[in-house]
Amino acid sequence: MNTNKDYLPDTDPLYDRVIKALEDVRPYLQADGGDCQLVGITKDMVVDVKLLGACGSCPMSTLTLRAGVEQAVKRAIPEIARVESV
């Protein structure tokens, strides 16, 4: 985990919930040759993810992040403020 930000400890139960939400959206990313990895969750309830594979270099990655990944995470965990790509 990246320690440059003020992340919640990875033992926080919120991590399991976010991971589950990411696993639900992962097949759609993988179908296009991409993926995402959880980097951390800040105390401000911002989920940092790293877009991998085709998603990391795709010009539509911002749309994928907002309309796909962020919406799936926020639908599953309403207390999450947003999802950011790092």
N, C-alpha and C. Protein backbone atom coordinates (compact mmCIF):
# COMPACT_ATOMS: atom_id res chain seq x y z
N MET A 1 0.84 -1.18 0.00
CA MET A 1 0.00 0.00 0.00
C MET A 1 0.89 1.24 0.00
N ASN A 2 0.41 2.26 -0.70
CA ASN A 2 1.12 3.53 -0.79
C ASN A 2 1.01 4.25 0.55
N THR A 3 2.13 4.70 1.10
CA THR A 3 2.10 5.37 2.40
C THR A 3 2.24 6.89 2.27
N ASN A 4 2.19 7.43 1.04
CA ASN A 4 2.30 8.87 0.86
C ASN A 4 1.02 9.59 1.27
N LYS A 5 -0.08 8.90 1.33
CA LYS A 5 -1.36 9.49 1.71
C LYS A 5 -1.78 8.95 3.06
N ASP A 6 -2.78 9.58 3.63
CA ASP A 6 -3.31 9.15 4.92
C ASP A 6 -4.41 8.12 4.70
N TYR A 7 -3.99 6.87 4.46
CA TYR A 7 -4.92 5.79 4.18
C TYR A 7 -5.41 5.13 5.47
N LEU A 8 -6.62 4.61 5.39
CA LEU A 8 -7.12 3.75 6.47
C LEU A 8 -6.24 2.51 6.52
N PRO A 9 -6.11 1.87 7.67
CA PRO A 9 -5.33 0.62 7.70
C PRO A 9 -6.02 -0.44 6.84
N ASP A 10 -5.22 -1.26 6.17
CA ASP A 10 -5.82 -2.25 5.28
C ASP A 10 -6.56 -3.36 6.02
N THR A 11 -6.56 -3.30 7.33
CA THR A 11 -7.35 -4.23 8.14
C THR A 11 -8.77 -3.70 8.38
N ASP A 12 -9.03 -2.46 7.98
CA ASP A 12 -10.36 -1.87 8.15
C ASP A 12 -11.38 -2.69 7.34
N PRO A 13 -12.54 -3.00 7.90
CA PRO A 13 -13.56 -3.80 7.20
C PRO A 13 -14.03 -3.17 5.88
N LEU A 14 -13.83 -1.89 5.73
CA LEU A 14 -14.22 -1.22 4.49
C LEU A 14 -13.44 -1.77 3.30
N TYR A 15 -12.21 -2.22 3.53
CA TYR A 15 -11.40 -2.78 2.44
C TYR A 15 -12.08 -3.98 1.81
N ASP A 16 -12.62 -4.88 2.62
CA ASP A 16 -13.28 -6.06 2.08
C ASP A 16 -14.48 -5.68 1.23
N ARG A 17 -15.21 -4.66 1.65
CA ARG A 17 -16.38 -4.21 0.90
C ARG A 17 -15.98 -3.58 -0.42
N VAL A 18 -14.92 -2.80 -0.42
CA VAL A 18 -14.45 -2.17 -1.66
C VAL A 18 -13.90 -3.24 -2.61
N ILE A 19 -13.14 -4.17 -2.08
CA ILE A 19 -12.60 -5.25 -2.91
C ILE A 19 -13.73 -6.03 -3.57
N LYS A 20 -14.79 -6.32 -2.83
CA LYS A 20 -15.94 -7.04 -3.38
C LYS A 20 -16.57 -6.23 -4.51
N ALA A 21 -16.74 -4.92 -4.33
CA ALA A 21 -17.32 -4.07 -5.37
C ALA A 21 -16.42 -4.06 -6.61
N LEU A 22 -15.10 -4.00 -6.41
CA LEU A 22 -14.18 -4.02 -7.55
C LEU A 22 -14.22 -5.36 -8.27
N GLU A 23 -14.37 -6.44 -7.52
CA GLU A 23 -14.46 -7.76 -8.14
C GLU A 23 -15.71 -7.89 -8.99
N ASP A 24 -16.78 -7.17 -8.61
CA ASP A 24 -18.01 -7.21 -9.40
C ASP A 24 -17.86 -6.51 -10.75
N VAL A 25 -17.03 -5.48 -10.81
CA VAL A 25 -16.84 -4.73 -12.05
C VAL A 25 -15.64 -5.25 -12.86
N ARG A 26 -14.77 -5.98 -12.22
CA ARG A 26 -13.53 -6.47 -12.85
C ARG A 26 -13.77 -7.25 -14.16
N PRO A 27 -14.77 -8.14 -14.26
CA PRO A 27 -14.95 -8.87 -15.53
C PRO A 27 -15.18 -7.95 -16.73
N TYR A 28 -15.83 -6.83 -16.52
CA TYR A 28 -16.07 -5.88 -17.61
C TYR A 28 -14.77 -5.22 -18.05
N LEU A 29 -13.92 -4.91 -17.10
CA LEU A 29 -12.61 -4.34 -17.43
C LEU A 29 -11.74 -5.37 -18.14
N GLN A 30 -11.75 -6.59 -17.63
CA GLN A 30 -10.92 -7.64 -18.21
C GLN A 30 -11.37 -8.02 -19.61
N ALA A 31 -12.65 -7.87 -19.89
CA ALA A 31 -13.16 -8.18 -21.23
C ALA A 31 -12.53 -7.28 -22.29
N ASP A 32 -12.10 -6.09 -21.89
CA ASP A 32 -11.45 -5.16 -22.80
C ASP A 32 -9.94 -5.13 -22.61
N GLY A 33 -9.39 -6.11 -21.90
CA GLY A 33 -7.94 -6.19 -21.73
C GLY A 33 -7.39 -5.35 -20.60
N GLY A 34 -8.25 -4.91 -19.69
CA GLY A 34 -7.79 -4.08 -18.59
C GLY A 34 -8.07 -4.72 -17.24
N ASP A 35 -7.82 -3.95 -16.20
CA ASP A 35 -8.08 -4.40 -14.83
C ASP A 35 -7.87 -3.19 -13.91
N CYS A 36 -8.13 -3.38 -12.64
CA CYS A 36 -7.85 -2.33 -11.66
C CYS A 36 -7.37 -2.97 -10.37
N GLN A 37 -6.63 -2.19 -9.62
CA GLN A 37 -6.05 -2.66 -8.37
C GLN A 37 -6.32 -1.61 -7.30
N LEU A 38 -6.77 -2.05 -6.14
CA LEU A 38 -7.00 -1.15 -5.02
C LEU A 38 -5.66 -0.71 -4.45
N VAL A 39 -5.46 0.60 -4.36
CA VAL A 39 -4.24 1.15 -3.79
C VAL A 39 -4.46 1.49 -2.32
N GLY A 40 -5.61 2.11 -2.02
CA GLY A 40 -5.91 2.45 -0.64
C GLY A 40 -7.20 3.22 -0.53
N ILE A 41 -7.64 3.42 0.71
CA ILE A 41 -8.84 4.19 1.01
C ILE A 41 -8.42 5.27 1.99
N THR A 42 -8.63 6.53 1.61
CA THR A 42 -8.24 7.62 2.49
C THR A 42 -9.26 7.80 3.60
N LYS A 43 -8.86 8.52 4.63
CA LYS A 43 -9.77 8.80 5.74
C LYS A 43 -10.91 9.71 5.30
N ASP A 44 -10.75 10.37 4.14
CA ASP A 44 -11.81 11.20 3.56
C ASP A 44 -12.75 10.38 2.68
N MET A 45 -12.61 9.06 2.74
CA MET A 45 -13.45 8.13 1.98
C MET A 45 -13.27 8.24 0.47
N VAL A 46 -12.03 8.44 0.05
CA VAL A 46 -11.68 8.41 -1.37
C VAL A 46 -10.94 7.11 -1.62
N VAL A 47 -11.42 6.35 -2.59
CA VAL A 47 -10.79 5.09 -2.96
C VAL A 47 -9.79 5.37 -4.08
N ASP A 48 -8.54 5.03 -3.87
CA ASP A 48 -7.51 5.16 -4.91
C ASP A 48 -7.32 3.81 -5.56
N VAL A 49 -7.42 3.80 -6.89
CA VAL A 49 -7.20 2.58 -7.65
C VAL A 49 -6.15 2.84 -8.72
N LYS A 50 -5.54 1.79 -9.16
CA LYS A 50 -4.60 1.87 -10.28
C LYS A 50 -5.24 1.10 -11.43
N LEU A 51 -5.42 1.78 -12.56
CA LEU A 51 -5.95 1.12 -13.74
C LEU A 51 -4.80 0.40 -14.43
N LEU A 52 -5.03 -0.85 -14.80
CA LEU A 52 -3.97 -1.69 -15.35
C LEU A 52 -4.31 -2.13 -16.78
N GLY A 53 -3.30 -2.62 -17.48
CA GLY A 53 -3.50 -3.15 -18.82
C GLY A 53 -4.03 -2.09 -19.76
N ALA A 54 -4.98 -2.48 -20.61
CA ALA A 54 -5.55 -1.56 -21.59
C ALA A 54 -6.21 -0.36 -20.92
N CYS A 55 -6.73 -0.53 -19.72
CA CYS A 55 -7.40 0.58 -19.02
C CYS A 55 -6.42 1.68 -18.63
N GLY A 56 -5.19 1.32 -18.40
CA GLY A 56 -4.20 2.31 -17.99
C GLY A 56 -3.82 3.30 -19.07
N SER A 57 -3.96 2.90 -20.33
CA SER A 57 -3.56 3.78 -21.43
C SER A 57 -4.72 4.16 -22.35
N CYS A 58 -5.92 3.74 -22.01
CA CYS A 58 -7.08 4.01 -22.85
C CYS A 58 -7.52 5.47 -22.73
N PRO A 59 -7.83 6.13 -23.86
CA PRO A 59 -8.30 7.51 -23.78
C PRO A 59 -9.67 7.63 -23.09
N MET A 60 -10.39 6.53 -22.97
CA MET A 60 -11.70 6.53 -22.32
C MET A 60 -11.60 6.12 -20.85
N SER A 61 -10.40 6.04 -20.31
CA SER A 61 -10.23 5.54 -18.94
C SER A 61 -10.94 6.41 -17.90
N THR A 62 -11.03 7.71 -18.14
CA THR A 62 -11.72 8.58 -17.19
C THR A 62 -13.21 8.23 -17.15
N LEU A 63 -13.79 7.99 -18.31
CA LEU A 63 -15.20 7.58 -18.37
C LEU A 63 -15.39 6.22 -17.71
N THR A 64 -14.49 5.29 -17.97
CA THR A 64 -14.54 3.97 -17.34
C THR A 64 -14.48 4.10 -15.83
N LEU A 65 -13.58 4.96 -15.36
CA LEU A 65 -13.41 5.15 -13.92
C LEU A 65 -14.69 5.72 -13.30
N ARG A 66 -15.22 6.78 -13.88
CA ARG A 66 -16.38 7.47 -13.30
C ARG A 66 -17.67 6.67 -13.48
N ALA A 67 -17.95 6.26 -14.71
CA ALA A 67 -19.24 5.62 -15.00
C ALA A 67 -19.26 4.15 -14.62
N GLY A 68 -18.11 3.53 -14.56
CA GLY A 68 -18.06 2.11 -14.25
C GLY A 68 -17.60 1.82 -12.84
N VAL A 69 -16.33 2.03 -12.60
CA VAL A 69 -15.72 1.67 -11.33
C VAL A 69 -16.31 2.49 -10.17
N GLU A 70 -16.33 3.81 -10.31
CA GLU A 70 -16.81 4.66 -9.22
C GLU A 70 -18.28 4.37 -8.90
N GLN A 71 -19.10 4.25 -9.92
CA GLN A 71 -20.52 4.00 -9.67
C GLN A 71 -20.75 2.66 -8.99
N ALA A 72 -20.00 1.64 -9.39
CA ALA A 72 -20.13 0.32 -8.76
C ALA A 72 -19.72 0.37 -7.29
N VAL A 73 -18.63 1.06 -7.00
CA VAL A 73 -18.16 1.16 -5.61
C VAL A 73 -19.13 1.98 -4.77
N LYS A 74 -19.58 3.12 -5.30
CA LYS A 74 -20.49 3.98 -4.52
C LYS A 74 -21.86 3.34 -4.35
N ARG A 75 -22.30 2.54 -5.31
CA ARG A 75 -23.57 1.83 -5.17
C ARG A 75 -23.47 0.79 -4.04
N ALA A 76 -22.33 0.12 -3.96
CA ALA A 76 -22.14 -0.90 -2.93
C ALA A 76 -21.82 -0.30 -1.56
N ILE A 77 -21.13 0.83 -1.57
CA ILE A 77 -20.69 1.47 -0.33
C ILE A 77 -20.98 2.97 -0.42
N PRO A 78 -22.19 3.39 -0.06
CA PRO A 78 -22.60 4.79 -0.23
C PRO A 78 -21.71 5.81 0.49
N GLU A 79 -21.02 5.39 1.53
CA GLU A 79 -20.20 6.35 2.29
C GLU A 79 -18.91 6.74 1.53
N ILE A 80 -18.60 6.06 0.44
CA ILE A 80 -17.43 6.42 -0.36
C ILE A 80 -17.75 7.70 -1.12
N ALA A 81 -16.84 8.68 -1.04
CA ALA A 81 -17.05 9.98 -1.68
C ALA A 81 -16.75 9.92 -3.17
N ARG A 82 -15.65 9.28 -3.54
CA ARG A 82 -15.28 9.18 -4.94
C ARG A 82 -14.18 8.13 -5.11
N VAL A 83 -13.90 7.83 -6.36
CA VAL A 83 -12.83 6.90 -6.73
C VAL A 83 -11.87 7.67 -7.63
N GLU A 84 -10.58 7.59 -7.32
CA GLU A 84 -9.55 8.29 -8.07
C GLU A 84 -8.55 7.29 -8.65
N SER A 85 -8.05 7.60 -9.81
CA SER A 85 -6.98 6.79 -10.41
C SER A 85 -5.64 7.39 -10.02
N VAL A 86 -4.73 6.58 -9.55
CA VAL A 86 -3.40 7.04 -9.17
C VAL A 86 -2.34 6.35 -10.00
